[in-house]
Amino acid sequence: MFGKRIKELRKKKGLTQKSLASYLGISDRAIGYYENEQRTPPPDILQKIADFFDVSVDYLLGRTDKRNIDVSNDVDERLHKVMQELGPDVLLAFYDLPNMTDEEKENVITLLEVIKAKREKQKKKG
């Protein structure tokens, strides 16, 4: 699914594999591997691809047909913001966000804020 989606998005923008690869800072061969489902990109490249095409990682991975994450209510917006700050590896860990209740999302926000605070504390020490 990922390969098909990235290829569709790339072609829709009129891009070659080489031009997309150049933007992402990877080889055009890697794009070919991704499009042919021979390899999966690491989380940082996956997030770059999602950002470049203005779609969610969930959309790229075929977990949803919604191109973007719905951040219409306050809980969703806060959750998305905290997750974005922590990076793509955290986004992948919570792929089921659209099906979570607001209470579950609040719990995830709390957890992520704790993780974020610990990371910031460690940065100050090191």
C-alpha atoms as a PDB file:
ATOM      1  CA  MET A   1       0.000   0.000   0.000  1.00  0.00           C
ATOM      2  CA  PHE A   2       2.792   2.435   0.918  1.00  0.00           C
ATOM      3  CA  GLY A   3       4.518   2.018  -2.433  1.00  0.00           C
ATOM      4  CA  LYS A   4       1.346   2.624  -4.390  1.00  0.00           C
ATOM      5  CA  ARG A   5       0.495   5.730  -2.387  1.00  0.00           C
ATOM      6  CA  ILE A   6       3.901   7.337  -2.615  1.00  0.00           C
ATOM      7  CA  LYS A   7       4.019   6.676  -6.357  1.00  0.00           C
ATOM      8  CA  GLU A   8       0.542   8.192  -6.869  1.00  0.00           C
ATOM      9  CA  LEU A   9       1.444  11.271  -4.825  1.00  0.00           C
ATOM     10  CA  ARG A  10       4.760  11.698  -6.623  1.00  0.00           C
ATOM     11  CA  LYS A  11       3.179  11.424 -10.072  1.00  0.00           C
ATOM     12  CA  LYS A  12       0.331  13.766  -9.108  1.00  0.00           C
ATOM     13  CA  LYS A  13       2.945  16.430  -8.366  1.00  0.00           C
ATOM     14  CA  GLY A  14       4.740  15.670 -11.625  1.00  0.00           C
ATOM     15  CA  LEU A  15       7.916  14.615  -9.846  1.00  0.00           C
ATOM     16  CA  THR A  16      10.513  12.079 -10.870  1.00  0.00           C
ATOM     17  CA  GLN A  17      11.944   9.620  -8.387  1.00  0.00           C
ATOM     18  CA  LYS A  18      15.185  11.567  -8.632  1.00  0.00           C
ATOM     19  CA  SER A  19      13.611  14.928  -7.757  1.00  0.00           C
ATOM     20  CA  LEU A  20      11.731  13.471  -4.777  1.00  0.00           C
ATOM     21  CA  ALA A  21      14.877  11.702  -3.619  1.00  0.00           C
ATOM     22  CA  SER A  22      16.816  14.947  -3.867  1.00  0.00           C
ATOM     23  CA  TYR A  23      14.341  16.727  -1.610  1.00  0.00           C
ATOM     24  CA  LEU A  24      14.426  13.883   0.919  1.00  0.00           C
ATOM     25  CA  GLY A  25      18.210  13.624   0.838  1.00  0.00           C
ATOM     26  CA  ILE A  26      18.213   9.980  -0.238  1.00  0.00           C
ATOM     27  CA  SER A  27      19.010   8.108  -3.444  1.00  0.00           C
ATOM     28  CA  ASP A  28      16.515   7.735  -6.267  1.00  0.00           C
ATOM     29  CA  ARG A  29      17.158   4.000  -5.961  1.00  0.00           C
ATOM     30  CA  ALA A  30      15.695   4.155  -2.435  1.00  0.00           C
ATOM     31  CA  ILE A  31      12.518   5.762  -3.817  1.00  0.00           C
ATOM     32  CA  GLY A  32      12.279   2.916  -6.318  1.00  0.00           C
ATOM     33  CA  TYR A  33      12.622   0.376  -3.520  1.00  0.00           C
ATOM     34  CA  TYR A  34       9.888   2.131  -1.525  1.00  0.00           C
ATOM     35  CA  GLU A  35       7.536   2.330  -4.507  1.00  0.00           C
ATOM     36  CA  ASN A  36       8.076  -1.346  -5.312  1.00  0.00           C
ATOM     37  CA  GLU A  37       7.537  -2.288  -1.647  1.00  0.00           C
ATOM     38  CA  GLN A  38      11.017  -3.817  -1.452  1.00  0.00           C
ATOM     39  CA  ARG A  39      11.989  -1.620   1.495  1.00  0.00           C
ATOM     40  CA  THR A  40      10.263   0.502   4.091  1.00  0.00           C
ATOM     41  CA  PRO A  41      11.670   3.939   4.882  1.00  0.00           C
ATOM     42  CA  PRO A  42      12.942   4.712   8.372  1.00  0.00           C
ATOM     43  CA  PRO A  43      10.608   6.848  10.526  1.00  0.00           C
ATOM     44  CA  ASP A  44      12.395  10.134   9.812  1.00  0.00           C
ATOM     45  CA  ILE A  45      12.129   9.670   6.038  1.00  0.00           C
ATOM     46  CA  LEU A  46       8.533   8.481   6.362  1.00  0.00           C
ATOM     47  CA  GLN A  47       7.671  11.699   8.195  1.00  0.00           C
ATOM     48  CA  LYS A  48       9.529  13.799   5.603  1.00  0.00           C
ATOM     49  CA  ILE A  49       7.517  12.129   2.844  1.00  0.00           C
ATOM     50  CA  ALA A  50       4.259  12.763   4.704  1.00  0.00           C
ATOM     51  CA  ASP A  51       5.205  16.404   5.309  1.00  0.00           C
ATOM     52  CA  PHE A  52       6.270  16.905   1.694  1.00  0.00           C
ATOM     53  CA  PHE A  53       2.961  15.600   0.318  1.00  0.00           C
ATOM     54  CA  ASP A  54       0.929  17.135   3.166  1.00  0.00           C
ATOM     55  CA  VAL A  55      -0.592  13.803   4.173  1.00  0.00           C
ATOM     56  CA  SER A  56      -0.535  11.802   7.381  1.00  0.00           C
ATOM     57  CA  VAL A  57       1.823   8.906   7.984  1.00  0.00           C
ATOM     58  CA  ASP A  58      -1.296   6.781   8.533  1.00  0.00           C
ATOM     59  CA  TYR A  59      -2.429   7.624   5.009  1.00  0.00           C
ATOM     60  CA  LEU A  60       0.940   6.656   3.541  1.00  0.00           C
ATOM     61  CA  LEU A  61       0.897   3.343   5.389  1.00  0.00           C
ATOM     62  CA  GLY A  62      -2.645   2.555   4.268  1.00  0.00           C
ATOM     63  CA  ARG A  63      -4.094   2.690   7.778  1.00  0.00           C
ATOM     64  CA  THR A  64      -6.640   5.277   6.707  1.00  0.00           C
ATOM     65  CA  ASP A  65      -7.982   6.738   3.499  1.00  0.00           C
ATOM     66  CA  LYS A  66      -8.057  10.210   5.078  1.00  0.00           C
ATOM     67  CA  ARG A  67      -5.143  12.132   3.664  1.00  0.00           C
ATOM     68  CA  ASN A  68      -4.693  14.349   6.735  1.00  0.00           C
ATOM     69  CA  ILE A  69      -5.146  13.930  10.467  1.00  0.00           C
ATOM     70  CA  ASP A  70      -8.310  15.616  11.670  1.00  0.00           C
ATOM     71  CA  VAL A  71      -7.311  18.198  14.252  1.00  0.00           C
ATOM     72  CA  SER A  72     -10.733  19.792  14.500  1.00  0.00           C
ATOM     73  CA  ASN A  73     -11.217  19.545  18.243  1.00  0.00           C
ATOM     74  CA  ASP A  74      -8.970  20.730  21.016  1.00  0.00           C
ATOM     75  CA  VAL A  75      -7.964  17.255  22.217  1.00  0.00           C
ATOM     76  CA  ASP A  76      -6.947  16.149  18.737  1.00  0.00           C
ATOM     77  CA  GLU A  77      -5.051  19.365  18.111  1.00  0.00           C
ATOM     78  CA  ARG A  78      -3.095  19.115  21.372  1.00  0.00           C
ATOM     79  CA  LEU A  79      -2.352  15.448  20.799  1.00  0.00           C
ATOM     80  CA  HIS A  80      -1.121  16.055  17.271  1.00  0.00           C
ATOM     81  CA  LYS A  81       1.064  18.959  18.419  1.00  0.00           C
ATOM     82  CA  VAL A  82       2.739  16.963  21.200  1.00  0.00           C
ATOM     83  CA  MET A  83       3.327  14.009  18.895  1.00  0.00           C
ATOM     84  CA  GLN A  84       4.829  16.217  16.184  1.00  0.00           C
ATOM     85  CA  GLU A  85       7.222  17.717  18.732  1.00  0.00           C
ATOM     86  CA  LEU A  86       8.431  14.256  19.769  1.00  0.00           C
ATOM     87  CA  GLY A  87       9.064  13.035  16.233  1.00  0.00           C
ATOM     88  CA  PRO A  88       7.980  10.450  13.665  1.00  0.00           C
ATOM     89  CA  ASP A  89       8.841   7.416  15.773  1.00  0.00           C
ATOM     90  CA  VAL A  90       6.155   8.484  18.255  1.00  0.00           C
ATOM     91  CA  LEU A  91       3.628   9.040  15.467  1.00  0.00           C
ATOM     92  CA  LEU A  92       4.095   5.475  14.278  1.00  0.00           C
ATOM     93  CA  ALA A  93       3.558   4.132  17.793  1.00  0.00           C
ATOM     94  CA  PHE A  94       0.035   5.577  17.926  1.00  0.00           C
ATOM     95  CA  TYR A  95      -1.357   4.641  14.541  1.00  0.00           C
ATOM     96  CA  ASP A  96      -4.891   4.033  15.885  1.00  0.00           C
ATOM     97  CA  LEU A  97      -5.600   7.649  16.884  1.00  0.00           C
ATOM     98  CA  PRO A  98      -8.743   8.062  14.784  1.00  0.00           C
ATOM     99  CA  ASN A  99     -10.450   5.289  16.773  1.00  0.00           C
ATOM    100  CA  MET A 100      -9.478   6.494  20.256  1.00  0.00           C
ATOM    101  CA  THR A 101     -11.949   8.166  22.600  1.00  0.00           C
ATOM    102  CA  ASP A 102     -11.217  11.669  23.883  1.00  0.00           C
ATOM    103  CA  GLU A 103     -10.374  10.182  27.286  1.00  0.00           C
ATOM    104  CA  GLU A 104      -7.837   7.824  25.711  1.00  0.00           C
ATOM    105  CA  LYS A 105      -6.376  10.733  23.762  1.00  0.00           C
ATOM    106  CA  GLU A 106      -6.057  12.752  26.988  1.00  0.00           C
ATOM    107  CA  ASN A 107      -4.146   9.822  28.517  1.00  0.00           C
ATOM    108  CA  VAL A 108      -1.826   9.714  25.502  1.00  0.00           C
ATOM    109  CA  ILE A 109      -1.253  13.483  25.744  1.00  0.00           C
ATOM    110  CA  THR A 110      -0.294  13.120  29.403  1.00  0.00           C
ATOM    111  CA  LEU A 111       2.064  10.255  28.618  1.00  0.00           C
ATOM    112  CA  LEU A 112       3.693  12.142  25.756  1.00  0.00           C
ATOM    113  CA  GLU A 113       4.096  15.305  27.819  1.00  0.00           C
ATOM    114  CA  VAL A 114       5.932  13.247  30.463  1.00  0.00           C
ATOM    115  CA  ILE A 115       8.199  11.766  27.793  1.00  0.00           C
ATOM    116  CA  LYS A 116       8.832  15.229  26.370  1.00  0.00           C
ATOM    117  CA  ALA A 117       9.683  16.640  29.803  1.00  0.00           C
ATOM    118  CA  LYS A 118      12.099  13.780  30.490  1.00  0.00           C
ATOM    119  CA  ARG A 119      13.830  14.327  27.146  1.00  0.00           C
ATOM    120  CA  GLU A 120      14.199  18.046  27.847  1.00  0.00           C
ATOM    121  CA  LYS A 121      15.574  17.306  31.310  1.00  0.00           C
ATOM    122  CA  GLN A 122      18.117  14.880  29.846  1.00  0.00           C
ATOM    123  CA  LYS A 123      19.194  17.459  27.260  1.00  0.00           C
ATOM    124  CA  LYS A 124      19.869  19.978  30.024  1.00  0.00           C
ATOM    125  CA  LYS A 125      21.981  17.447  31.928  1.00  0.00           C
ATOM    126  CA  GLY A 126      23.976  16.331  28.890  1.00  0.00           C
END
